[in-house]
Amino acid sequence: MAHISPSDPLVPILRRTPLYPLHGALGAKLVPFSGWEMPVQYSGIGKEHQAVRQQAGMFDISHMGKFVLSGNTLIEQLQRLVPSDLSQLQPGDAQYTVLLNHQGGIVDDLILYYQGINAAGEPQITTIVNAATTEKDRNWFLTHLDAGQLTLTDLSVDRVLLAVQGPAAVAALQTCVQEDLSKVKRFGHIQGTVLEQPGFLARTGYTGEDGFEVMVDVETGIALWRSLLLAGVVPCGLGARDTLRLEAAMALYGQDIDETTTPLEAGMGWLVHLDRKGEFIGRSVLEQQKQAGVTRRLVGLQLAGRNIARHHYPVRHCGELVGTITSGTLSPTLGYPIALAYVPAALSKLNQLVDVEIRGKVYPATVVKRPFYKRVERIFEKQTSLNDEASLG
């Protein structure tokens, strides 16, 4: 067998985030992910998952794409790229949405953070996109926006991005932030002061819990990670990030949604505002689907026992192949297997029984309501109050 060295031109060179040395010092298990060498776990996926559900965990998500868009016609031009109405956004608001191709397929899902009027007197939006689609998204923006009227600044390499998530996340982060984070609404954002340096803080996340995503310069990002670690915030890897987002039924681009799936098929109809806006890429396809009905839907499945459905596993009904699993895991919070799958619309109703083929055998699964897990606000508020009292004591 030929030996392949890391310097071999056939071996892809993985990129590393500025926090890479800190992950190694914590004994993280590193894996390739979207061209990056990223931590999949530190103390263990189960422990990290529960830390986020019960206390606070933090993720290095610096590999994600980070763009700043500005220009006098910014909102009008972005309106043509997404199915969501952006006209009512106020400074500090954010809109989760999708970029669409001409077939109505999803180029990427992303969050648009409207920052209002910048120092140049122009509307400004910061957007965070998936790591695997950063270059594709940048090219999509540059191709479909008028570069003569707009400016795109790519901060993907120059900024650290951390996600601090969980019932105690806000209280832990507050010790490093000058502004009162309790005043930032859910899905809101601010330009704040992090460890005495400028930072972008958004009350968003990918776990189903409360928390913030924080974008700062590299030096501040390293200091913030260390400060949060000393405060008891648990470092978490991609493994826990995946189980957390799946419990919350949040789509993973490249698995649950892609350029062959429309937002209506993916259960994202709430992003499609056909009656509130004009023309946009993919509109005609979505109008047809809205009128005729989709032929397939993304559904949540619950399996019995510990039979885990994985990506690409077949879904069957009456012995016939009818769909495919897109994501699946044994839910650490719920204690049973859950999955997402595309099935014919006729089989997408709640309590519908289907079969999942796992290593040549079929196991029953039931269509259930999404999300599989939803945090209870009352419990969260009580926990936050206790954390505040503890920090004062």
Protein backbone atom coordinates (compact mmCIF):
# COMPACT_ATOMS: atom_id res chain seq x y z
CA MET A 1 0.00 0.00 0.00
CA ALA A 2 1.38 3.38 -0.99
CA HIS A 3 2.06 5.81 1.82
CA ILE A 4 0.44 9.23 1.44
CA SER A 5 2.03 12.07 3.34
CA PRO A 6 0.17 15.24 4.38
CA SER A 7 2.23 17.16 1.83
CA ASP A 8 0.95 15.00 -1.03
CA PRO A 9 -0.94 17.26 -3.49
CA LEU A 10 -3.82 14.74 -3.54
CA VAL A 11 -4.44 15.22 0.19
CA PRO A 12 -6.67 18.26 0.81
CA ILE A 13 -5.22 20.86 3.14
CA LEU A 14 -7.66 21.54 5.96
CA ARG A 15 -8.10 25.08 7.23
CA ARG A 16 -8.00 25.88 10.93
CA THR A 17 -9.81 28.53 12.94
CA PRO A 18 -7.82 30.95 15.15
CA LEU A 19 -8.93 28.90 18.17
CA TYR A 20 -7.36 25.69 16.87
CA PRO A 21 -4.47 25.66 19.43
CA LEU A 22 -6.99 26.03 22.27
CA HIS A 23 -8.94 22.99 21.06
CA GLY A 24 -5.78 20.90 21.04
CA ALA A 25 -4.92 22.02 24.57
CA LEU A 26 -8.33 20.78 25.73
CA GLY A 27 -7.81 17.37 24.14
CA ALA A 28 -10.49 17.82 21.51
CA LYS A 29 -11.01 15.11 18.93
CA LEU A 30 -10.58 16.82 15.56
CA VAL A 31 -12.23 15.82 12.27
CA PRO A 32 -12.45 17.21 8.74
CA PHE A 33 -15.60 19.29 8.18
CA SER A 34 -16.35 21.37 5.09
CA GLY A 35 -12.64 21.83 4.42
CA TRP A 36 -11.82 22.68 8.04
CA GLU A 37 -10.19 20.73 10.87
CA MET A 38 -12.80 21.09 13.60
CA PRO A 39 -13.45 19.66 17.08
CA VAL A 40 -16.17 17.00 17.03
CA GLN A 41 -16.05 16.53 20.81
CA TYR A 42 -14.08 17.31 23.96
CA SER A 43 -15.46 15.52 27.05
CA GLY A 44 -18.01 13.53 25.03
CA ILE A 45 -21.02 14.30 22.85
CA GLY A 46 -23.55 13.29 25.51
CA LYS A 47 -21.96 15.40 28.25
CA GLU A 48 -21.63 18.41 25.96
CA HIS A 49 -25.23 18.05 24.77
CA GLN A 50 -26.56 17.99 28.33
CA ALA A 51 -24.36 20.94 29.31
CA VAL A 52 -26.16 23.07 26.72
CA ARG A 53 -29.60 21.80 27.66
CA GLN A 54 -29.03 22.28 31.41
CA GLN A 55 -26.36 24.99 31.87
CA ALA A 56 -24.14 26.57 29.21
CA GLY A 57 -21.91 25.40 26.38
CA MET A 58 -19.82 27.19 23.77
CA PHE A 59 -18.93 26.34 20.20
CA ASP A 60 -16.19 27.62 17.92
CA ILE A 61 -18.09 28.39 14.71
CA SER A 62 -15.42 30.65 13.22
CA HIS A 63 -15.38 28.44 10.12
CA MET A 64 -18.73 29.92 9.03
CA GLY A 65 -18.88 32.62 6.38
CA LYS A 66 -19.32 36.22 7.54
CA PHE A 67 -20.30 38.98 5.12
CA VAL A 68 -21.21 42.63 5.57
CA LEU A 69 -23.40 44.09 2.80
CA SER A 70 -24.11 47.80 2.41
CA GLY A 71 -25.52 50.22 -0.15
CA ASN A 72 -28.46 52.53 -0.76
CA THR A 73 -30.46 49.89 -2.66
CA LEU A 74 -29.44 46.97 -0.42
CA ILE A 75 -32.89 45.95 0.83
CA GLU A 76 -34.49 46.26 -2.61
CA GLN A 77 -31.79 44.10 -4.20
CA LEU A 78 -31.84 41.43 -1.49
CA GLN A 79 -35.62 41.23 -1.85
CA ARG A 80 -35.03 39.68 -5.28
CA LEU A 81 -32.87 36.87 -3.85
CA VAL A 82 -35.03 35.56 -1.00
CA PRO A 83 -38.72 34.59 -0.59
CA SER A 84 -39.04 36.48 2.72
CA ASP A 85 -40.23 40.09 2.95
CA LEU A 86 -37.38 42.27 4.24
CA SER A 87 -39.16 45.61 3.92
CA GLN A 88 -40.31 45.76 7.54
CA LEU A 89 -36.91 45.08 9.13
CA GLN A 90 -35.90 47.60 11.77
CA PRO A 91 -32.35 48.17 13.12
CA GLY A 92 -31.57 45.32 15.50
CA ASP A 93 -33.94 42.89 13.70
CA ALA A 94 -32.89 39.68 11.99
CA GLN A 95 -34.52 37.48 9.36
CA TYR A 96 -33.79 33.79 8.90
CA THR A 97 -34.34 33.01 5.24
CA VAL A 98 -33.01 31.14 2.20
CA LEU A 99 -31.30 32.04 -1.05
CA LEU A 100 -33.16 30.40 -3.94
CA ASN A 101 -32.14 29.26 -7.40
CA HIS A 102 -34.40 29.57 -10.44
CA GLN A 103 -35.92 26.13 -9.75
CA GLY A 104 -36.95 27.23 -6.26
CA GLY A 105 -34.19 25.11 -4.71
CA ILE A 106 -32.25 26.31 -1.69
CA VAL A 107 -28.79 27.70 -2.48
CA ASP A 108 -28.22 28.19 1.25
CA ASP A 109 -30.03 29.08 4.44
CA LEU A 110 -28.76 32.14 6.30
CA ILE A 111 -29.62 34.90 8.76
CA LEU A 112 -29.75 38.53 7.65
CA TYR A 113 -29.02 40.95 10.52
CA TYR A 114 -30.23 44.46 9.67
CA GLN A 115 -27.98 47.01 11.36
CA GLY A 116 -29.67 50.16 10.09
CA ILE A 117 -27.77 53.06 8.52
CA ASN A 118 -23.97 52.89 8.74
CA ALA A 119 -21.43 55.73 9.03
CA ALA A 120 -21.53 56.19 5.24
CA GLY A 121 -25.27 56.82 5.40
CA GLU A 122 -26.18 53.48 3.79
CA PRO A 123 -28.30 50.53 4.96
CA GLN A 124 -26.11 47.70 6.26
CA ILE A 125 -26.70 44.00 6.82
CA THR A 126 -24.40 41.40 8.36
CA THR A 127 -25.05 37.82 7.32
CA ILE A 128 -23.65 34.51 8.55
CA VAL A 129 -23.63 31.62 6.07
CA ASN A 130 -22.65 27.96 6.14
CA ALA A 131 -18.97 27.07 6.00
CA ALA A 132 -19.42 24.66 3.09
CA THR A 133 -21.20 27.29 0.99
CA THR A 134 -19.19 30.41 1.83
CA GLU A 135 -17.55 30.70 -1.58
CA LYS A 136 -20.75 29.72 -3.40
CA ASP A 137 -22.76 32.30 -1.47
CA ARG A 138 -20.21 35.03 -2.03
CA ASN A 139 -20.29 34.34 -5.79
CA TRP A 140 -24.10 34.22 -5.73
CA PHE A 141 -24.27 37.64 -4.10
CA LEU A 142 -21.68 39.11 -6.47
CA THR A 143 -23.46 37.67 -9.50
CA HIS A 144 -27.00 38.68 -8.56
CA LEU A 145 -26.43 42.01 -6.80
CA ASP A 146 -25.39 45.23 -8.54
CA ALA A 147 -21.77 45.58 -7.48
CA GLY A 148 -21.79 49.19 -8.66
CA GLN A 149 -24.34 50.11 -6.00
CA LEU A 150 -23.43 47.74 -3.19
CA THR A 151 -20.36 46.75 -1.19
CA LEU A 152 -19.66 43.23 0.08
CA THR A 153 -17.00 42.93 2.78
CA ASP A 154 -15.89 39.37 3.57
CA LEU A 155 -14.93 38.98 7.24
CA SER A 156 -14.79 35.18 7.15
CA VAL A 157 -11.06 34.98 7.90
CA ASP A 158 -10.68 38.12 10.02
CA ARG A 159 -13.24 37.36 12.74
CA VAL A 160 -13.79 34.74 15.43
CA LEU A 161 -17.38 33.57 15.84
CA LEU A 162 -18.50 31.88 19.07
CA ALA A 163 -21.90 30.46 19.97
CA VAL A 164 -22.68 30.52 23.70
CA GLN A 165 -25.86 28.52 24.32
CA GLY A 166 -27.96 27.21 27.19
CA PRO A 167 -30.09 28.36 30.15
CA ALA A 168 -27.04 29.90 31.87
CA ALA A 169 -25.40 31.20 28.68
CA VAL A 170 -26.59 34.80 28.86
CA ALA A 171 -25.51 35.18 32.49
CA ALA A 172 -22.07 33.73 31.72
CA LEU A 173 -21.55 35.92 28.67
CA GLN A 174 -22.76 39.02 30.52
CA THR A 175 -19.57 39.00 32.65
CA CYS A 176 -17.60 39.74 29.46
CA VAL A 177 -19.97 42.26 27.86
CA GLN A 178 -20.54 45.88 28.81
CA GLU A 179 -24.11 46.20 27.49
CA ASP A 180 -27.16 44.71 29.24
CA LEU A 181 -27.83 41.52 27.29
CA SER A 182 -31.23 41.01 28.89
CA LYS A 183 -32.49 43.91 26.78
CA VAL A 184 -31.64 42.16 23.51
CA LYS A 185 -34.78 40.45 22.22
CA ARG A 186 -34.84 36.94 20.85
CA PHE A 187 -33.45 37.06 17.29
CA GLY A 188 -32.23 40.59 17.95
CA HIS A 189 -28.64 41.83 17.79
CA ILE A 190 -26.42 44.72 18.87
CA GLN A 191 -23.02 46.21 18.29
CA GLY A 192 -21.54 45.88 21.76
CA THR A 193 -18.37 45.89 23.81
CA VAL A 194 -16.78 42.50 24.49
CA LEU A 195 -13.81 42.51 26.86
CA GLU A 196 -13.49 46.25 26.13
CA GLN A 197 -13.37 45.65 22.36
CA PRO A 198 -16.06 46.15 19.67
CA GLY A 199 -18.17 43.09 19.00
CA PHE A 200 -21.29 41.91 17.20
CA LEU A 201 -23.72 40.00 19.42
CA ALA A 202 -26.85 38.24 18.14
CA ARG A 203 -29.39 36.41 20.27
CA THR A 204 -29.57 33.54 17.84
CA GLY A 205 -28.29 29.98 17.78
CA TYR A 206 -28.56 26.47 16.40
CA THR A 207 -29.38 24.46 19.52
CA GLY A 208 -32.99 25.17 20.50
CA GLU A 209 -31.76 27.02 23.61
CA ASP A 210 -31.35 30.69 24.44
CA GLY A 211 -27.93 32.24 23.92
CA PHE A 212 -25.79 34.45 21.74
CA GLU A 213 -23.54 34.24 18.72
CA VAL A 214 -20.61 36.61 19.17
CA MET A 215 -18.35 37.93 16.39
CA VAL A 216 -15.12 39.69 17.43
CA ASP A 217 -11.55 40.13 16.24
CA VAL A 218 -9.13 37.22 16.65
CA GLU A 219 -7.36 38.45 19.79
CA THR A 220 -10.63 39.20 21.56
CA GLY A 221 -12.08 35.87 20.44
CA ILE A 222 -9.23 33.95 22.02
CA ALA A 223 -9.56 35.95 25.26
CA LEU A 224 -13.35 35.44 25.28
CA TRP A 225 -13.01 31.66 24.89
CA ARG A 226 -10.57 31.55 27.80
CA SER A 227 -12.76 33.78 29.97
CA LEU A 228 -15.85 31.68 29.37
CA LEU A 229 -13.89 28.50 30.02
CA LEU A 230 -12.78 29.88 33.41
CA ALA A 231 -16.42 30.79 34.12
CA GLY A 232 -17.41 27.14 33.73
CA VAL A 233 -18.90 27.26 30.23
CA VAL A 234 -18.42 23.81 28.67
CA PRO A 235 -16.58 23.63 25.31
CA CYS A 236 -18.68 21.70 22.79
CA GLY A 237 -17.93 20.21 19.40
CA LEU A 238 -19.76 19.50 16.16
CA GLY A 239 -21.17 16.23 17.53
CA ALA A 240 -23.26 17.92 20.21
CA ARG A 241 -24.11 20.76 17.84
CA ASP A 242 -25.67 18.19 15.50
CA THR A 243 -27.71 16.34 18.15
CA LEU A 244 -28.91 19.63 19.63
CA ARG A 245 -30.02 21.11 16.30
CA LEU A 246 -31.74 17.85 15.31
CA GLU A 247 -33.77 17.75 18.53
CA ALA A 248 -34.85 21.30 17.67
CA ALA A 249 -35.59 20.12 14.07
CA MET A 250 -33.28 22.74 12.59
CA ALA A 251 -32.28 21.90 9.04
CA LEU A 252 -28.68 21.07 8.14
CA TYR A 253 -27.70 22.38 4.72
CA GLY A 254 -26.43 19.62 2.44
CA GLN A 255 -28.48 16.97 4.25
CA ASP A 256 -32.02 18.16 5.04
CA ILE A 257 -32.09 20.99 2.48
CA ASP A 258 -30.14 21.67 -0.71
CA GLU A 259 -30.53 23.01 -4.24
CA THR A 260 -33.02 20.22 -5.10
CA THR A 261 -35.41 21.02 -2.23
CA THR A 262 -37.75 23.99 -1.99
CA PRO A 263 -38.67 25.74 1.27
CA LEU A 264 -42.27 24.54 0.88
CA GLU A 265 -41.12 20.91 0.67
CA ALA A 266 -38.81 21.43 3.65
CA GLY A 267 -41.58 22.74 5.92
CA MET A 268 -40.26 26.30 5.69
CA GLY A 269 -43.42 27.81 4.26
CA TRP A 270 -43.33 30.48 6.97
CA LEU A 271 -40.33 31.99 5.13
CA VAL A 272 -42.28 32.38 1.87
CA HIS A 273 -44.22 35.65 1.69
CA LEU A 274 -45.83 35.47 -1.74
CA ASP A 275 -48.61 37.91 -0.84
CA ARG A 276 -46.31 40.55 0.69
CA LYS A 277 -43.61 41.08 -1.92
CA GLY A 278 -42.91 41.24 -5.63
CA GLU A 279 -40.72 39.24 -7.95
CA PHE A 280 -37.83 37.11 -6.64
CA ILE A 281 -35.74 34.25 -7.97
CA GLY A 282 -37.73 31.00 -7.84
CA ARG A 283 -41.10 32.69 -7.23
CA SER A 284 -42.91 31.02 -10.14
CA VAL A 285 -41.96 27.54 -8.89
CA LEU A 286 -43.15 28.29 -5.37
CA GLU A 287 -46.40 29.75 -6.70
CA GLN A 288 -47.03 26.53 -8.63
CA GLN A 289 -46.26 24.40 -5.58
CA LYS A 290 -48.47 26.56 -3.39
CA GLN A 291 -51.36 26.18 -5.79
CA ALA A 292 -50.98 22.49 -6.64
CA GLY A 293 -49.49 21.31 -3.37
CA VAL A 294 -46.06 19.75 -2.89
CA THR A 295 -45.54 16.10 -3.77
CA ARG A 296 -43.17 15.43 -0.87
CA ARG A 297 -42.54 16.86 2.58
CA LEU A 298 -39.80 16.82 5.18
CA VAL A 299 -41.23 15.15 8.30
CA GLY A 300 -40.11 14.23 11.78
CA LEU A 301 -39.95 10.53 12.64
CA GLN A 302 -39.82 8.74 15.98
CA LEU A 303 -38.50 5.19 16.07
CA ALA A 304 -39.00 2.54 18.73
CA GLY A 305 -36.23 1.02 20.82
CA ARG A 306 -32.72 2.15 19.95
CA ASN A 307 -32.89 1.67 16.19
CA ILE A 308 -31.12 4.74 14.80
CA ALA A 309 -31.96 5.93 11.29
CA ARG A 310 -28.99 7.53 9.58
CA HIS A 311 -28.53 9.81 6.57
CA HIS A 312 -29.56 8.13 3.28
CA TYR A 313 -31.37 5.19 4.93
CA PRO A 314 -34.46 4.17 2.91
CA VAL A 315 -38.00 4.87 4.09
CA ARG A 316 -40.60 2.29 3.01
CA HIS A 317 -44.38 1.95 3.10
CA CYS A 318 -46.13 -1.33 2.36
CA GLY A 319 -42.77 -2.65 1.18
CA GLU A 320 -42.26 0.09 -1.40
CA LEU A 321 -39.42 2.64 -1.28
CA VAL A 322 -41.10 6.02 -0.66
CA GLY A 323 -38.46 8.28 0.83
CA THR A 324 -35.06 8.85 2.39
CA ILE A 325 -33.75 9.72 5.84
CA THR A 326 -31.86 13.02 5.82
CA SER A 327 -30.74 13.17 9.49
CA GLY A 328 -31.10 10.86 12.47
CA THR A 329 -29.78 10.23 15.97
CA LEU A 330 -30.59 8.81 19.37
CA SER A 331 -31.91 11.89 21.16
CA PRO A 332 -29.87 12.47 24.35
CA THR A 333 -32.65 14.59 25.85
CA LEU A 334 -35.66 12.46 24.91
CA GLY A 335 -34.04 9.04 25.15
CA TYR A 336 -35.36 7.63 21.87
CA PRO A 337 -34.33 7.72 18.18
CA ILE A 338 -35.49 10.66 16.05
CA ALA A 339 -35.01 11.47 12.39
CA LEU A 340 -35.94 13.78 9.54
CA ALA A 341 -37.00 12.33 6.20
CA TYR A 342 -38.63 13.27 2.91
CA VAL A 343 -41.79 11.26 2.26
CA PRO A 344 -44.72 11.63 -0.16
CA ALA A 345 -47.16 14.32 0.94
CA ALA A 346 -49.86 11.67 1.39
CA LEU A 347 -47.71 10.03 4.09
CA SER A 348 -46.76 13.23 5.90
CA LYS A 349 -49.68 13.48 8.33
CA LEU A 350 -49.06 13.14 12.07
CA ASN A 351 -49.16 9.56 13.44
CA GLN A 352 -48.63 8.08 9.96
CA LEU A 353 -46.70 4.79 10.20
CA VAL A 354 -43.80 4.05 7.86
CA ASP A 355 -40.80 1.72 7.95
CA VAL A 356 -37.12 2.59 7.96
CA GLU A 357 -34.62 0.16 6.50
CA ILE A 358 -31.58 -0.20 8.76
CA ARG A 359 -28.84 -2.57 7.61
CA GLY A 360 -31.23 -4.72 5.61
CA LYS A 361 -34.00 -4.91 8.22
CA VAL A 362 -37.09 -2.71 8.50
CA TYR A 363 -38.23 -1.00 11.69
CA PRO A 364 -41.45 0.94 12.32
CA ALA A 365 -41.40 4.73 12.62
CA THR A 366 -44.13 7.27 13.32
CA VAL A 367 -44.52 10.74 11.83
CA VAL A 368 -44.46 13.17 14.78
CA LYS A 369 -44.68 16.90 15.32
CA ARG A 370 -41.58 19.04 14.92
CA PRO A 371 -39.56 20.21 16.74
CA PHE A 372 -38.90 17.07 18.73
CA TYR A 373 -37.70 19.19 21.67
CA LYS A 374 -38.78 22.69 22.64
CA ARG A 375 -37.47 24.51 25.68
CA VAL A 376 -40.03 25.73 28.21
CA GLU A 377 -39.71 29.49 28.69
CA ARG A 378 -40.95 29.37 32.27
CA ILE A 379 -38.23 26.90 33.29
CA PHE A 380 -35.62 28.93 31.44
CA GLU A 381 -36.65 32.17 33.16
CA LYS A 382 -36.49 30.52 36.57
CA GLN A 383 -33.04 29.12 35.83
CA THR A 384 -31.78 32.51 34.63
CA SER A 385 -33.05 34.14 37.82
CA LEU A 386 -31.16 31.59 39.92
CA ASN A 387 -28.00 32.16 37.91
CA ASP A 388 -28.30 35.92 38.39
CA GLU A 389 -28.67 35.47 42.14
CA ALA A 390 -25.66 33.17 42.24
CA SER A 391 -23.52 35.66 40.31
CA LEU A 392 -24.50 38.43 42.75
CA GLY A 393 -23.69 36.26 45.74
